[in-house]
Amino acid sequence: MYLAENNKNSQEIDSLEAELQRMRSELSYSYLNSQQTLQKATILYDQTVSKTAEEKERVGKEIFVVLERLINFKTFIETTLFDFENLYEKELEKN
């Protein structure tokens, strides 16, 4: 009887150890999987931040160019109008 109970306990211990080993294996796999997911997310985040900064800089440069062109156009219009006013006044003085 003692031997049968001992064998039963031994089998139960072996079964529990096998279950424990399986759980450890799953835990290791899950941990590695979550680490890979975190690493991928971190890389994606860093790429997104970098691309956003590059795009922000590009758009800022484009806005600067457009503003510079607008200012130059405004200056051209003002100069042209001033020249026309002077020409008009000279023509009035002649007549």
N, C-alpha and C. Protein backbone atom coordinates (compact mmCIF):
# COMPACT_ATOMS: atom_id res chain seq x y z
N MET A 1 0.81 -1.18 0.00
CA MET A 1 0.00 0.00 0.00
C MET A 1 0.86 1.26 0.00
N TYR A 2 1.88 1.22 0.80
CA TYR A 2 2.81 2.35 0.89
C TYR A 2 3.46 2.58 -0.47
N LEU A 3 3.85 1.50 -1.17
CA LEU A 3 4.49 1.57 -2.47
C LEU A 3 3.53 2.13 -3.52
N ALA A 4 2.29 1.74 -3.51
CA ALA A 4 1.28 2.23 -4.47
C ALA A 4 1.03 3.71 -4.26
N GLU A 5 0.94 4.10 -3.00
CA GLU A 5 0.72 5.52 -2.69
C GLU A 5 1.95 6.33 -3.09
N ASN A 6 3.12 5.78 -2.86
CA ASN A 6 4.38 6.43 -3.24
C ASN A 6 4.44 6.62 -4.76
N ASN A 7 4.06 5.58 -5.51
CA ASN A 7 4.05 5.65 -6.97
C ASN A 7 3.05 6.70 -7.46
N LYS A 8 1.88 6.71 -6.81
CA LYS A 8 0.85 7.68 -7.18
C LYS A 8 1.36 9.10 -6.92
N ASN A 9 1.97 9.32 -5.78
CA ASN A 9 2.53 10.63 -5.45
C ASN A 9 3.66 11.00 -6.41
N SER A 10 4.47 10.03 -6.77
CA SER A 10 5.56 10.25 -7.72
C SER A 10 5.02 10.66 -9.08
N GLN A 11 3.98 9.98 -9.53
CA GLN A 11 3.36 10.31 -10.82
C GLN A 11 2.74 11.72 -10.77
N GLU A 12 2.12 12.03 -9.65
CA GLU A 12 1.51 13.35 -9.50
C GLU A 12 2.58 14.44 -9.49
N ILE A 13 3.68 14.18 -8.81
CA ILE A 13 4.81 15.13 -8.79
C ILE A 13 5.36 15.31 -10.19
N ASP A 14 5.55 14.20 -10.91
CA ASP A 14 6.06 14.27 -12.29
C ASP A 14 5.09 15.06 -13.17
N SER A 15 3.81 14.81 -12.98
CA SER A 15 2.80 15.52 -13.76
C SER A 15 2.83 17.02 -13.45
N LEU A 16 2.93 17.35 -12.17
CA LEU A 16 2.99 18.76 -11.77
C LEU A 16 4.27 19.42 -12.26
N GLU A 17 5.39 18.72 -12.23
CA GLU A 17 6.65 19.26 -12.72
C GLU A 17 6.58 19.50 -14.23
N ALA A 18 5.95 18.57 -14.95
CA ALA A 18 5.78 18.73 -16.39
C ALA A 18 4.90 19.94 -16.68
N GLU A 19 3.82 20.08 -15.92
CA GLU A 19 2.93 21.23 -16.08
C GLU A 19 3.66 22.53 -15.77
N LEU A 20 4.45 22.52 -14.71
CA LEU A 20 5.24 23.69 -14.34
C LEU A 20 6.23 24.04 -15.45
N GLN A 21 6.88 23.05 -16.01
CA GLN A 21 7.83 23.27 -17.10
C GLN A 21 7.13 23.85 -18.33
N ARG A 22 5.94 23.32 -18.62
CA ARG A 22 5.16 23.84 -19.75
C ARG A 22 4.78 25.30 -19.51
N MET A 23 4.36 25.61 -18.29
CA MET A 23 3.98 26.99 -17.95
C MET A 23 5.19 27.92 -18.05
N ARG A 24 6.35 27.47 -17.60
CA ARG A 24 7.57 28.28 -17.71
C ARG A 24 7.92 28.54 -19.18
N SER A 25 7.76 27.52 -19.99
CA SER A 25 8.04 27.65 -21.42
C SER A 25 7.09 28.65 -22.06
N GLU A 26 5.80 28.55 -21.74
CA GLU A 26 4.82 29.49 -22.27
C GLU A 26 5.10 30.91 -21.79
N LEU A 27 5.50 31.02 -20.53
CA LEU A 27 5.81 32.33 -19.97
C LEU A 27 7.00 32.95 -20.70
N SER A 28 8.03 32.16 -20.94
CA SER A 28 9.20 32.66 -21.67
C SER A 28 8.81 33.10 -23.07
N TYR A 29 8.00 32.27 -23.74
CA TYR A 29 7.55 32.60 -25.10
C TYR A 29 6.73 33.89 -25.07
N SER A 30 5.81 34.00 -24.14
CA SER A 30 4.96 35.19 -24.04
C SER A 30 5.80 36.44 -23.73
N TYR A 31 6.77 36.29 -22.86
CA TYR A 31 7.64 37.41 -22.50
C TYR A 31 8.42 37.88 -23.73
N LEU A 32 9.03 36.92 -24.44
CA LEU A 32 9.78 37.28 -25.64
C LEU A 32 8.88 37.91 -26.69
N ASN A 33 7.70 37.38 -26.85
CA ASN A 33 6.74 37.92 -27.80
C ASN A 33 6.35 39.35 -27.43
N SER A 34 6.10 39.59 -26.16
CA SER A 34 5.74 40.95 -25.73
C SER A 34 6.93 41.90 -25.89
N GLN A 35 8.14 41.43 -25.65
CA GLN A 35 9.34 42.26 -25.84
C GLN A 35 9.50 42.63 -27.32
N GLN A 36 9.25 41.68 -28.20
CA GLN A 36 9.34 41.96 -29.64
C GLN A 36 8.28 42.97 -30.06
N THR A 37 7.08 42.81 -29.53
CA THR A 37 6.00 43.75 -29.84
C THR A 37 6.35 45.15 -29.35
N LEU A 38 6.89 45.23 -28.15
CA LEU A 38 7.31 46.53 -27.60
C LEU A 38 8.41 47.14 -28.45
N GLN A 39 9.37 46.33 -28.86
CA GLN A 39 10.47 46.82 -29.68
C GLN A 39 9.95 47.35 -31.03
N LYS A 40 9.03 46.60 -31.65
CA LYS A 40 8.45 47.04 -32.92
C LYS A 40 7.69 48.36 -32.73
N ALA A 41 6.93 48.45 -31.64
CA ALA A 41 6.16 49.67 -31.38
C ALA A 41 7.10 50.85 -31.13
N THR A 42 8.19 50.62 -30.43
CA THR A 42 9.17 51.67 -30.16
C THR A 42 9.82 52.14 -31.46
N ILE A 43 10.18 51.21 -32.31
CA ILE A 43 10.79 51.56 -33.60
C ILE A 43 9.79 52.36 -34.44
N LEU A 44 8.55 51.90 -34.50
CA LEU A 44 7.52 52.61 -35.26
C LEU A 44 7.30 54.01 -34.71
N TYR A 45 7.28 54.14 -33.40
CA TYR A 45 7.11 55.46 -32.76
C TYR A 45 8.28 56.38 -33.14
N ASP A 46 9.50 55.87 -33.02
CA ASP A 46 10.68 56.68 -33.35
C ASP A 46 10.66 57.11 -34.82
N GLN A 47 10.26 56.19 -35.71
CA GLN A 47 10.17 56.53 -37.13
C GLN A 47 9.11 57.60 -37.37
N THR A 48 7.98 57.47 -36.68
CA THR A 48 6.91 58.44 -36.84
C THR A 48 7.34 59.82 -36.34
N VAL A 49 8.01 59.86 -35.21
CA VAL A 49 8.50 61.13 -34.67
C VAL A 49 9.50 61.77 -35.64
N SER A 50 10.39 60.95 -36.17
CA SER A 50 11.40 61.45 -37.10
C SER A 50 10.75 61.98 -38.37
N LYS A 51 9.83 61.21 -38.95
CA LYS A 51 9.15 61.65 -40.17
C LYS A 51 8.34 62.91 -39.94
N THR A 52 7.71 63.01 -38.77
CA THR A 52 6.93 64.19 -38.44
C THR A 52 7.82 65.41 -38.35
N ALA A 53 8.97 65.27 -37.72
CA ALA A 53 9.91 66.39 -37.61
C ALA A 53 10.41 66.81 -38.99
N GLU A 54 10.72 65.85 -39.84
CA GLU A 54 11.17 66.16 -41.20
C GLU A 54 10.07 66.87 -41.97
N GLU A 55 8.84 66.38 -41.86
CA GLU A 55 7.73 66.99 -42.58
C GLU A 55 7.47 68.40 -42.07
N LYS A 56 7.56 68.58 -40.76
CA LYS A 56 7.36 69.90 -40.17
C LYS A 56 8.40 70.88 -40.70
N GLU A 57 9.64 70.44 -40.78
CA GLU A 57 10.71 71.29 -41.29
C GLU A 57 10.48 71.62 -42.77
N ARG A 58 10.09 70.62 -43.55
CA ARG A 58 9.83 70.83 -44.98
C ARG A 58 8.70 71.83 -45.19
N VAL A 59 7.61 71.66 -44.45
CA VAL A 59 6.46 72.56 -44.58
C VAL A 59 6.84 73.97 -44.14
N GLY A 60 7.62 74.06 -43.07
CA GLY A 60 8.09 75.37 -42.61
C GLY A 60 8.89 76.09 -43.68
N LYS A 61 9.75 75.35 -44.36
CA LYS A 61 10.56 75.95 -45.44
C LYS A 61 9.66 76.40 -46.59
N GLU A 62 8.67 75.57 -46.93
CA GLU A 62 7.74 75.93 -48.00
C GLU A 62 6.96 77.19 -47.65
N ILE A 63 6.51 77.28 -46.42
CA ILE A 63 5.77 78.46 -45.97
C ILE A 63 6.67 79.69 -46.05
N PHE A 64 7.92 79.55 -45.65
CA PHE A 64 8.86 80.66 -45.71
C PHE A 64 9.04 81.13 -47.15
N VAL A 65 9.18 80.19 -48.08
CA VAL A 65 9.35 80.54 -49.50
C VAL A 65 8.11 81.26 -50.02
N VAL A 66 6.94 80.76 -49.68
CA VAL A 66 5.69 81.39 -50.14
C VAL A 66 5.58 82.80 -49.57
N LEU A 67 5.87 82.96 -48.29
CA LEU A 67 5.81 84.29 -47.68
C LEU A 67 6.81 85.24 -48.33
N GLU A 68 7.99 84.75 -48.61
CA GLU A 68 9.01 85.57 -49.25
C GLU A 68 8.53 86.01 -50.64
N ARG A 69 7.93 85.10 -51.38
CA ARG A 69 7.41 85.46 -52.71
C ARG A 69 6.27 86.47 -52.61
N LEU A 70 5.40 86.29 -51.62
CA LEU A 70 4.30 87.23 -51.44
C LEU A 70 4.81 88.63 -51.10
N ILE A 71 5.81 88.67 -50.23
CA ILE A 71 6.39 89.97 -49.86
C ILE A 71 7.03 90.63 -51.08
N ASN A 72 7.76 89.84 -51.85
CA ASN A 72 8.37 90.38 -53.07
C ASN A 72 7.31 90.87 -54.05
N PHE A 73 6.21 90.13 -54.19
CA PHE A 73 5.14 90.53 -55.09
C PHE A 73 4.49 91.82 -54.59
N LYS A 74 4.24 91.89 -53.28
CA LYS A 74 3.66 93.10 -52.68
C LYS A 74 4.57 94.29 -52.93
N THR A 75 5.86 94.12 -52.75
CA THR A 75 6.82 95.19 -52.98
C THR A 75 6.80 95.62 -54.45
N PHE A 76 6.72 94.65 -55.34
CA PHE A 76 6.66 94.95 -56.78
C PHE A 76 5.41 95.77 -57.10
N ILE A 77 4.26 95.35 -56.54
CA ILE A 77 3.00 96.07 -56.77
C ILE A 77 3.10 97.50 -56.23
N GLU A 78 3.63 97.65 -55.02
CA GLU A 78 3.76 98.99 -54.42
C GLU A 78 4.67 99.87 -55.27
N THR A 79 5.78 99.31 -55.70
CA THR A 79 6.73 100.08 -56.53
C THR A 79 6.09 100.48 -57.85
N THR A 80 5.40 99.54 -58.46
CA THR A 80 4.74 99.81 -59.74
C THR A 80 3.67 100.89 -59.58
N LEU A 81 2.86 100.79 -58.53
CA LEU A 81 1.84 101.81 -58.29
C LEU A 81 2.46 103.18 -58.04
N PHE A 82 3.53 103.19 -57.27
CA PHE A 82 4.22 104.46 -57.00
C PHE A 82 4.73 105.06 -58.32
N ASP A 83 5.31 104.22 -59.18
CA ASP A 83 5.81 104.70 -60.47
C ASP A 83 4.66 105.23 -61.33
N PHE A 84 3.51 104.55 -61.34
CA PHE A 84 2.36 105.01 -62.10
C PHE A 84 1.83 106.34 -61.56
N GLU A 85 1.82 106.47 -60.24
CA GLU A 85 1.37 107.74 -59.65
C GLU A 85 2.29 108.88 -60.09
N ASN A 86 3.58 108.64 -60.04
CA ASN A 86 4.53 109.67 -60.46
C ASN A 86 4.34 110.01 -61.94
N LEU A 87 4.17 109.00 -62.76
CA LEU A 87 3.95 109.20 -64.19
C LEU A 87 2.67 109.98 -64.43
N TYR A 88 1.62 109.65 -63.69
CA TYR A 88 0.33 110.34 -63.82
C TYR A 88 0.47 111.82 -63.45
N GLU A 89 1.15 112.06 -62.33
CA GLU A 89 1.36 113.44 -61.88
C GLU A 89 2.18 114.22 -62.91
N LYS A 90 3.18 113.61 -63.50
CA LYS A 90 3.98 114.29 -64.54
C LYS A 90 3.13 114.60 -65.75
N GLU A 91 2.26 113.70 -66.13
CA GLU A 91 1.38 113.89 -67.28
C GLU A 91 0.39 115.04 -66.99
N LEU A 92 -0.08 115.09 -65.74
CA LEU A 92 -1.01 116.18 -65.37
C LEU A 92 -0.31 117.52 -65.43
N GLU A 93 0.94 117.54 -65.00
CA GLU A 93 1.70 118.78 -65.00
C GLU A 93 1.97 119.27 -66.44
N LYS A 94 2.14 118.34 -67.34
CA LYS A 94 2.39 118.70 -68.74
C LYS A 94 1.15 119.33 -69.36
N ASN A 95 0.02 118.83 -68.98
CA ASN A 95 -1.22 119.32 -69.61
C ASN A 95 -1.73 120.47 -68.86
